[in-house]
Amino acid sequence: MDRLAIDFGTSNSAAAVYAGGAVRRLPVEQGAETLPTAVFFPEGGGAMRIGAAAGTALIGGEEGRYMRALKSVLGVPLFHEKRLIEGKRRTLADVVTAFLVQVRERSEEFTRARFTRALSGRPVRFHEDAEKDAQAEADLRGCYLAAGFEEVEFMPEPEAAARACQGMGAAGGVGLIVDIGGGTSDFTVFRSGEEVEIVASHGIRLGGTDFDRVVSVAEVMPLLGLGGELRREFGPGLLPVPRAVFVDLATWAKIPFLYAPDVRREVAGMVKLAVEPKRLGRLATVLEDELGHELAFAVERGKIAANDAGTGRIGMGMVEPGLAAELSAARMGEVLGEAQAALGGAAREVLAQAGVAPGEVGRVVLVGGSSLMGFVEAEMRSVCPGAEVLRSEAFTAVVDGLAMAAAG
């Protein structure tokens, strides 16, 4: 038992082994089988915190730097750029390595085993571009090796989930795994028998953090000045408020880099020229008080509430007392319509690659935290109207399948 299965996710991570004929999920988070893929560096030094402890530090108002969705920057130059993070110059590769070190050490402490090998999940595609996709896997491999593993292999996440879920629903036949994660959406067509047969896999770079970004840009950022106008410094006429800072503020992985002095100066200059300075003043407050992640959590909560109860409220009281954006399920459906269509298109693509007609699919198995969104199930029922739609262990199906494969 020297091979550890790890599902390193955009939003959540998990580890497991296969022992005694069964999968054993490891409590890498105290009292839980998964932990948020998040880190917190206390101001002035101190040990890096991961998982729920990182979120607790942020929400509790502790001074420091919070980071999340680091998986989304694998394969891009930003991953290797040194940045000043709480008094020390680090790369995001250093941060991911430190996270994986803690996952390995916690797993070893619980099992009293020494893990020298890792079987890691990976999306079917980190990126659409083949070169960037290969670089992303190389980046993650480098982090595993730097974290103390001597060997690391990768398995596409929906293919791992197919191994874990092949016994769900009616026995045999054709199944479709729909794995909607934080940063990517993956699809695998499989056939069940004595062994699961992977027929085809396909993936797109779209996930739950993108849903958050789209909702935030549409519903929250206008309250901070997006869509407004600026007076020209010289001459008549008006200019639109630049969009880039709002998109970055709505993107989990980019939030920490908006607190740089040059960005704050740029926004302060916009406030002076704004036709509606009050709204842009709120943006300046978010950057000055480093409220970006609290705002992102509020968007996430509002999205989930709208999905579960039909209506949600994105509270922005941390920016201004009483400030909020109301979000109905119907409005969220409008905002995420393009995302829903993209998921449907990707599902049809994997069926075409497999040479399988939609009517041949006997069961669709939904995997991943973002598969809990109602529009995902609705779209998959539209793609495969005759299939039984099943929900797996949303957050652990991938790591379960990895553990089973690691034992083979």
Protein backbone atom coordinates (compact mmCIF):
# COMPACT_ATOMS: atom_id res chain seq x y z
CA MET A 1 0.00 0.00 0.00
CA ASP A 2 2.46 2.60 -1.24
CA ARG A 3 0.20 4.09 -3.94
CA LEU A 4 -2.13 6.92 -2.97
CA ALA A 5 -5.15 7.92 -5.06
CA ILE A 6 -5.61 11.69 -5.12
CA ASP A 7 -8.37 13.72 -6.69
CA PHE A 8 -6.82 17.20 -6.81
CA GLY A 9 -9.78 19.35 -7.75
CA THR A 10 -10.39 22.98 -8.57
CA SER A 11 -12.75 23.40 -5.61
CA ASN A 12 -12.30 20.25 -3.50
CA SER A 13 -9.73 17.48 -3.14
CA ALA A 14 -9.76 13.96 -1.70
CA ALA A 15 -7.45 10.98 -1.12
CA ALA A 16 -8.15 7.27 -0.84
CA VAL A 17 -6.61 3.80 -0.88
CA TYR A 18 -8.00 0.37 -1.74
CA ALA A 19 -7.55 -2.05 1.14
CA GLY A 20 -9.36 -5.14 2.38
CA GLY A 21 -11.37 -5.34 -0.82
CA ALA A 22 -12.89 -1.88 -0.42
CA VAL A 23 -12.16 1.78 -1.00
CA ARG A 24 -11.03 3.66 2.10
CA ARG A 25 -11.45 7.41 1.81
CA LEU A 26 -8.93 9.15 4.03
CA PRO A 27 -9.90 11.99 6.41
CA VAL A 28 -7.54 14.56 4.91
CA GLU A 29 -9.82 17.16 6.49
CA GLN A 30 -10.68 16.65 10.13
CA GLY A 31 -14.00 14.80 10.23
CA ALA A 32 -14.44 14.90 6.45
CA GLU A 33 -13.51 12.88 3.38
CA THR A 34 -12.89 15.93 1.19
CA LEU A 35 -11.22 19.26 1.80
CA PRO A 36 -11.55 22.57 -0.02
CA THR A 37 -8.65 23.15 -2.42
CA ALA A 38 -7.76 26.41 -0.74
CA VAL A 39 -4.80 27.87 1.13
CA PHE A 40 -4.24 30.77 3.51
CA PHE A 41 -0.94 32.48 4.28
CA PRO A 42 -1.08 34.47 7.56
CA GLU A 43 0.25 37.99 7.43
CA GLY A 44 3.72 38.24 8.88
CA GLY A 45 4.52 34.54 8.41
CA GLY A 46 3.35 31.40 10.09
CA ALA A 47 2.32 28.02 8.75
CA MET A 48 0.22 27.85 5.59
CA ARG A 49 -3.30 26.57 6.29
CA ILE A 50 -5.31 24.48 3.87
CA GLY A 51 -8.89 23.36 3.45
CA ALA A 52 -11.58 24.53 5.84
CA ALA A 53 -8.97 26.18 8.08
CA ALA A 54 -8.05 28.49 5.20
CA GLY A 55 -11.67 29.56 4.73
CA THR A 56 -12.16 30.01 8.46
CA ALA A 57 -9.18 32.36 8.61
CA LEU A 58 -10.53 34.41 5.71
CA ILE A 59 -14.12 34.69 6.96
CA GLY A 60 -12.87 35.33 10.51
CA GLY A 61 -11.11 38.46 9.32
CA GLU A 62 -7.57 37.28 9.95
CA GLU A 63 -4.99 39.26 7.99
CA GLY A 64 -3.31 37.26 5.27
CA ARG A 65 -3.63 35.95 1.72
CA TYR A 66 -6.32 33.45 0.70
CA MET A 67 -6.08 31.51 -2.57
CA ARG A 68 -8.45 29.08 -4.28
CA ALA A 69 -8.97 27.43 -7.71
CA LEU A 70 -5.23 27.00 -8.24
CA LYS A 71 -5.81 24.06 -10.57
CA SER A 72 -7.25 26.45 -13.14
CA VAL A 73 -3.85 28.09 -13.78
CA LEU A 74 -1.95 24.88 -14.52
CA GLY A 75 -0.38 25.11 -17.96
CA VAL A 76 -0.20 28.92 -18.15
CA PRO A 77 2.84 31.15 -17.50
CA LEU A 78 1.23 32.62 -14.36
CA PHE A 79 1.78 29.26 -12.64
CA HIS A 80 5.54 29.79 -12.60
CA GLU A 81 5.71 33.55 -12.03
CA LYS A 82 7.12 34.59 -8.66
CA ARG A 83 4.78 36.81 -6.67
CA LEU A 84 5.15 38.39 -3.27
CA ILE A 85 2.77 36.46 -1.03
CA GLU A 86 2.83 37.56 2.60
CA GLY A 87 6.47 38.57 2.69
CA LYS A 88 7.91 35.76 0.57
CA ARG A 89 8.30 35.44 -3.18
CA ARG A 90 6.56 32.25 -4.30
CA THR A 91 5.16 30.70 -7.45
CA LEU A 92 1.75 29.09 -7.63
CA ALA A 93 3.66 25.87 -8.32
CA ASP A 94 5.21 26.27 -4.87
CA VAL A 95 1.75 26.72 -3.35
CA VAL A 96 0.27 23.64 -5.05
CA THR A 97 3.31 21.61 -3.99
CA ALA A 98 2.88 22.68 -0.38
CA PHE A 99 -0.81 21.72 -0.55
CA LEU A 100 0.04 18.25 -1.89
CA VAL A 101 2.69 17.79 0.80
CA GLN A 102 0.01 18.25 3.44
CA VAL A 103 -2.36 15.84 1.68
CA ARG A 104 0.41 13.21 1.56
CA GLU A 105 1.47 13.74 5.17
CA ARG A 106 -2.10 13.60 6.50
CA SER A 107 -2.73 10.42 4.51
CA GLU A 108 0.45 8.83 5.86
CA GLU A 109 -0.37 9.85 9.40
CA PHE A 110 -3.82 8.24 9.19
CA THR A 111 -2.76 5.01 7.46
CA ARG A 112 0.71 4.72 9.03
CA ALA A 113 1.94 3.89 5.52
CA ARG A 114 4.58 5.56 3.37
CA PHE A 115 3.27 6.68 0.01
CA THR A 116 5.92 6.87 -2.70
CA ARG A 117 3.55 6.65 -5.68
CA ALA A 118 0.45 8.60 -6.63
CA LEU A 119 -2.40 7.98 -9.04
CA SER A 120 -3.90 11.37 -9.72
CA GLY A 121 -7.06 12.34 -11.50
CA ARG A 122 -6.90 14.85 -14.32
CA PRO A 123 -9.57 16.36 -16.55
CA VAL A 124 -9.87 14.98 -20.05
CA ARG A 125 -8.60 18.38 -21.13
CA PHE A 126 -7.01 20.96 -18.86
CA HIS A 127 -7.06 23.26 -21.91
CA GLU A 128 -8.43 23.08 -25.45
CA ASP A 129 -4.95 23.81 -26.80
CA ALA A 130 -2.91 20.57 -26.92
CA GLU A 131 0.38 22.24 -25.98
CA LYS A 132 -1.12 24.01 -22.97
CA ASP A 133 -2.89 20.80 -21.98
CA ALA A 134 0.38 18.86 -22.01
CA GLN A 135 2.08 21.65 -20.06
CA ALA A 136 -0.67 21.55 -17.42
CA GLU A 137 -0.09 17.83 -16.80
CA ALA A 138 3.67 18.44 -16.70
CA ASP A 139 3.12 21.24 -14.17
CA LEU A 140 1.01 19.02 -11.94
CA ARG A 141 3.46 16.12 -12.27
CA GLY A 142 6.26 18.43 -11.18
CA CYS A 143 4.28 19.45 -8.10
CA TYR A 144 3.66 15.82 -7.12
CA LEU A 145 7.33 14.96 -7.47
CA ALA A 146 8.36 18.04 -5.51
CA ALA A 147 5.84 17.02 -2.82
CA GLY A 148 7.73 13.79 -2.15
CA PHE A 149 6.21 11.25 -4.52
CA GLU A 150 8.72 9.26 -6.54
CA GLU A 151 6.25 8.27 -9.23
CA VAL A 152 2.96 9.73 -10.43
CA GLU A 153 0.50 8.52 -13.03
CA PHE A 154 -2.67 10.18 -14.27
CA MET A 155 -6.15 8.93 -15.13
CA PRO A 156 -8.96 11.00 -16.69
CA GLU A 157 -11.42 11.81 -13.94
CA PRO A 158 -14.62 10.66 -15.69
CA GLU A 159 -12.98 7.33 -16.52
CA ALA A 160 -12.16 6.86 -12.84
CA ALA A 161 -15.76 7.73 -11.97
CA ALA A 162 -16.99 5.14 -14.49
CA ARG A 163 -15.12 2.45 -12.56
CA ALA A 164 -16.71 3.55 -9.31
CA CYS A 165 -20.23 3.92 -10.74
CA GLN A 166 -20.53 1.01 -13.18
CA GLY A 167 -22.76 -0.91 -10.76
CA MET A 168 -25.31 1.89 -10.43
CA GLY A 169 -28.71 1.45 -12.06
CA ALA A 170 -29.59 -1.35 -14.46
CA ALA A 171 -26.84 -3.89 -15.00
CA GLY A 172 -24.87 -3.79 -18.23
CA GLY A 173 -25.52 -1.62 -21.23
CA VAL A 174 -24.19 1.79 -22.20
CA GLY A 175 -23.68 4.51 -19.62
CA LEU A 176 -22.64 8.14 -19.75
CA ILE A 177 -20.61 9.78 -16.98
CA VAL A 178 -21.20 13.54 -16.71
CA ASP A 179 -18.55 14.98 -14.40
CA ILE A 180 -19.08 18.70 -13.74
CA GLY A 181 -16.23 19.97 -11.59
CA GLY A 182 -15.10 23.37 -10.48
CA GLY A 183 -13.04 24.13 -13.57
CA THR A 184 -13.84 21.55 -16.24
CA SER A 185 -16.69 19.35 -17.45
CA ASP A 186 -15.86 15.81 -18.56
CA PHE A 187 -17.88 13.12 -20.28
CA THR A 188 -17.20 9.39 -20.67
CA VAL A 189 -19.21 6.78 -22.51
CA PHE A 190 -18.74 3.31 -20.98
CA ARG A 191 -20.09 -0.21 -21.16
CA SER A 192 -20.47 -2.36 -18.10
CA GLY A 193 -19.58 -6.02 -17.88
CA GLU A 194 -17.19 -7.98 -15.76
CA GLU A 195 -14.85 -5.06 -16.41
CA VAL A 196 -15.84 -1.53 -17.31
CA GLU A 197 -15.06 -0.68 -20.93
CA ILE A 198 -14.24 2.96 -21.69
CA VAL A 199 -15.60 3.75 -25.15
CA ALA A 200 -14.86 7.47 -25.49
CA SER A 201 -14.08 10.53 -23.38
CA HIS A 202 -14.39 14.24 -24.05
CA GLY A 203 -13.99 17.37 -21.97
CA ILE A 204 -14.38 21.15 -22.06
CA ARG A 205 -12.92 23.92 -19.93
CA LEU A 206 -16.13 24.95 -18.20
CA GLY A 207 -17.16 24.31 -14.61
CA GLY A 208 -18.66 25.60 -11.40
CA THR A 209 -16.22 28.46 -10.94
CA ASP A 210 -17.18 29.62 -14.44
CA PHE A 211 -20.85 29.50 -13.42
CA ASP A 212 -19.92 31.71 -10.45
CA ARG A 213 -18.02 34.11 -12.71
CA VAL A 214 -20.88 34.48 -15.18
CA VAL A 215 -23.42 35.10 -12.40
CA SER A 216 -21.11 37.58 -10.69
CA VAL A 217 -20.41 39.58 -13.86
CA ALA A 218 -24.10 39.71 -14.73
CA GLU A 219 -25.62 40.41 -11.32
CA VAL A 220 -22.97 41.71 -8.89
CA MET A 221 -20.41 43.65 -10.89
CA PRO A 222 -22.94 46.22 -12.20
CA LEU A 223 -23.43 47.26 -8.57
CA LEU A 224 -19.68 47.94 -8.45
CA GLY A 225 -19.62 50.03 -11.62
CA LEU A 226 -19.55 47.61 -14.55
CA GLY A 227 -21.52 49.05 -17.43
CA GLY A 228 -20.95 52.61 -16.26
CA GLU A 229 -19.25 55.48 -18.05
CA LEU A 230 -16.21 57.69 -17.48
CA ARG A 231 -15.68 61.30 -18.47
CA ARG A 232 -12.65 61.86 -20.66
CA GLU A 233 -9.70 63.55 -18.95
CA PHE A 234 -9.40 65.85 -21.94
CA GLY A 235 -12.16 66.82 -24.31
CA PRO A 236 -15.86 66.02 -24.53
CA GLY A 237 -17.54 62.66 -24.64
CA LEU A 238 -17.73 59.57 -22.45
CA LEU A 239 -15.90 56.24 -22.32
CA PRO A 240 -17.16 52.88 -21.05
CA VAL A 241 -15.74 51.68 -17.74
CA PRO A 242 -13.04 49.06 -18.56
CA ARG A 243 -14.34 45.53 -18.11
CA ALA A 244 -11.14 43.59 -17.30
CA VAL A 245 -10.90 44.33 -13.57
CA PHE A 246 -14.49 43.16 -13.03
CA VAL A 247 -13.93 39.88 -14.86
CA ASP A 248 -10.80 39.25 -12.79
CA LEU A 249 -12.67 40.08 -9.59
CA ALA A 250 -15.28 37.48 -10.56
CA THR A 251 -12.60 34.84 -11.25
CA TRP A 252 -11.48 32.91 -8.14
CA ALA A 253 -7.87 32.35 -9.18
CA LYS A 254 -7.24 35.98 -10.16
CA ILE A 255 -8.68 37.74 -7.11
CA PRO A 256 -5.44 37.85 -5.05
CA PHE A 257 -3.57 39.68 -7.80
CA LEU A 258 -6.04 42.59 -7.87
CA TYR A 259 -4.78 43.93 -4.55
CA ALA A 260 -1.62 45.28 -6.17
CA PRO A 261 -0.98 49.05 -5.77
CA ASP A 262 -1.16 49.71 -9.52
CA VAL A 263 -4.66 48.18 -9.76
CA ARG A 264 -5.87 50.20 -6.78
CA ARG A 265 -4.47 53.39 -8.37
CA GLU A 266 -6.19 52.58 -11.66
CA VAL A 267 -9.54 52.16 -9.94
CA ALA A 268 -9.07 55.31 -7.86
CA GLY A 269 -8.50 57.20 -11.10
CA MET A 270 -11.70 55.75 -12.56
CA VAL A 271 -13.68 56.84 -9.50
CA LYS A 272 -12.60 60.46 -10.09
CA LEU A 273 -13.82 60.35 -13.68
CA ALA A 274 -16.97 58.28 -13.13
CA VAL A 275 -20.39 59.54 -14.13
CA GLU A 276 -21.68 57.46 -11.19
CA PRO A 277 -18.81 57.57 -8.69
CA LYS A 278 -20.78 55.81 -5.94
CA ARG A 279 -20.81 52.48 -7.75
CA LEU A 280 -17.14 52.57 -8.68
CA GLY A 281 -16.41 53.69 -5.14
CA ARG A 282 -17.71 50.30 -4.01
CA LEU A 283 -15.17 48.63 -6.30
CA ALA A 284 -12.43 50.71 -4.70
CA THR A 285 -13.65 49.56 -1.27
CA VAL A 286 -13.53 45.90 -2.32
CA LEU A 287 -9.92 46.26 -3.43
CA GLU A 288 -8.79 48.42 -0.52
CA ASP A 289 -10.33 46.12 2.11
CA GLU A 290 -9.49 42.94 0.14
CA LEU A 291 -13.08 41.72 0.06
CA GLY A 292 -12.88 39.88 -3.25
CA HIS A 293 -13.06 36.35 -1.85
CA GLU A 294 -15.86 37.21 0.58
CA LEU A 295 -17.78 38.55 -2.40
CA ALA A 296 -17.07 35.36 -4.39
CA PHE A 297 -18.32 33.20 -1.51
CA ALA A 298 -21.50 35.30 -1.41
CA VAL A 299 -22.04 34.70 -5.14
CA GLU A 300 -21.52 30.97 -4.65
CA ARG A 301 -24.03 30.88 -1.79
CA GLY A 302 -26.57 32.87 -3.78
CA LYS A 303 -26.17 30.56 -6.78
CA ILE A 304 -26.72 27.47 -4.63
CA ALA A 305 -29.76 29.03 -2.91
CA ALA A 306 -31.34 29.96 -6.24
CA ASN A 307 -30.73 26.41 -7.47
CA ASP A 308 -32.11 24.73 -4.34
CA ALA A 309 -34.96 27.05 -3.35
CA GLY A 310 -35.80 28.95 -6.51
CA THR A 311 -34.53 32.25 -5.19
CA GLY A 312 -31.27 33.47 -3.71
CA ARG A 313 -29.79 36.63 -2.32
CA ILE A 314 -26.18 37.65 -2.92
CA GLY A 315 -25.45 39.62 0.21
CA MET A 316 -22.90 42.40 -0.25
CA GLY A 317 -23.12 43.96 3.20
CA MET A 318 -19.36 43.60 3.60
CA VAL A 319 -19.06 46.28 0.90
CA GLU A 320 -21.95 48.54 1.93
CA PRO A 321 -24.67 47.95 4.54
CA GLY A 322 -27.83 46.58 2.96
CA LEU A 323 -26.32 46.11 -0.48
CA ALA A 324 -27.46 42.90 -2.21
CA ALA A 325 -28.29 41.36 -5.57
CA GLU A 326 -31.43 39.26 -5.79
CA LEU A 327 -31.15 36.12 -7.92
CA SER A 328 -34.09 33.97 -9.04
CA ALA A 329 -33.76 30.53 -10.56
CA ALA A 330 -35.30 31.88 -13.76
CA ARG A 331 -32.79 34.70 -14.01
CA MET A 332 -29.92 32.33 -13.28
CA GLY A 333 -31.19 30.09 -16.07
CA GLU A 334 -31.03 33.03 -18.47
CA VAL A 335 -27.54 34.01 -17.37
CA LEU A 336 -26.21 30.44 -17.60
CA GLY A 337 -28.01 29.56 -20.82
CA GLU A 338 -24.81 29.51 -22.88
CA ALA A 339 -23.11 27.28 -20.31
CA GLN A 340 -26.04 24.86 -20.38
CA ALA A 341 -25.91 24.71 -24.16
CA ALA A 342 -22.16 24.09 -24.08
CA LEU A 343 -22.64 21.13 -21.71
CA GLY A 344 -25.27 19.67 -24.01
CA GLY A 345 -23.00 20.11 -27.00
CA ALA A 346 -20.13 18.37 -25.21
CA ALA A 347 -22.36 15.43 -24.25
CA ARG A 348 -23.50 15.04 -27.85
CA GLU A 349 -19.88 15.21 -29.00
CA VAL A 350 -18.73 12.35 -26.79
CA LEU A 351 -21.66 10.22 -27.98
CA ALA A 352 -20.67 10.95 -31.57
CA GLN A 353 -17.05 10.02 -30.82
CA ALA A 354 -18.28 6.75 -29.28
CA GLY A 355 -20.58 5.98 -32.21
CA VAL A 356 -23.48 5.72 -29.77
CA ALA A 357 -26.93 7.13 -30.44
CA PRO A 358 -28.58 9.01 -27.56
CA GLY A 359 -31.31 6.38 -27.47
CA GLU A 360 -28.75 3.67 -26.73
CA VAL A 361 -27.72 5.28 -23.43
CA GLY A 362 -29.41 3.44 -20.58
CA ARG A 363 -28.14 5.59 -17.72
CA VAL A 364 -26.55 8.95 -17.20
CA VAL A 365 -24.51 9.23 -14.00
CA LEU A 366 -23.95 12.76 -12.66
CA VAL A 367 -20.64 13.31 -10.86
CA GLY A 368 -18.94 16.37 -9.36
CA GLY A 369 -20.18 19.10 -7.07
CA SER A 370 -21.44 21.32 -9.87
CA SER A 371 -23.53 18.47 -11.29
CA LEU A 372 -25.97 19.32 -8.48
CA MET A 373 -27.11 22.36 -10.47
CA GLY A 374 -30.61 21.70 -11.78
CA PHE A 375 -29.87 22.88 -15.31
CA VAL A 376 -27.22 20.16 -15.67
CA GLU A 377 -29.73 17.38 -15.09
CA ALA A 378 -32.28 19.12 -17.31
CA GLU A 379 -29.80 19.34 -20.18
CA MET A 380 -28.71 15.72 -19.86
CA ARG A 381 -32.34 14.57 -19.90
CA SER A 382 -32.74 16.56 -23.10
CA VAL A 383 -29.66 14.93 -24.65
CA CYS A 384 -30.60 11.37 -23.56
CA PRO A 385 -34.39 11.48 -23.02
CA GLY A 386 -34.75 7.73 -22.55
CA ALA A 387 -31.92 7.31 -20.02
CA GLU A 388 -32.19 6.84 -16.28
CA VAL A 389 -30.48 9.81 -14.61
CA LEU A 390 -28.57 8.84 -11.48
CA ARG A 391 -26.59 10.85 -8.95
CA SER A 392 -23.39 9.31 -7.64
CA GLU A 393 -21.36 10.35 -4.61
CA ALA A 394 -20.87 13.78 -6.15
CA PHE A 395 -17.64 14.69 -4.37
CA THR A 396 -15.96 11.28 -4.05
CA ALA A 397 -16.83 9.16 -7.10
CA VAL A 398 -13.60 10.16 -8.84
CA VAL A 399 -11.31 9.37 -5.91
CA ASP A 400 -13.16 6.07 -5.35
CA GLY A 401 -12.48 5.04 -8.93
CA LEU A 402 -8.86 6.15 -8.68
CA ALA A 403 -8.38 4.03 -5.57
CA MET A 404 -9.85 1.00 -7.36
CA ALA A 405 -7.57 1.56 -10.34
CA ALA A 406 -4.53 2.10 -8.09
CA ALA A 407 -5.03 -1.36 -6.64
CA GLY A 408 -5.05 -3.02 -10.06
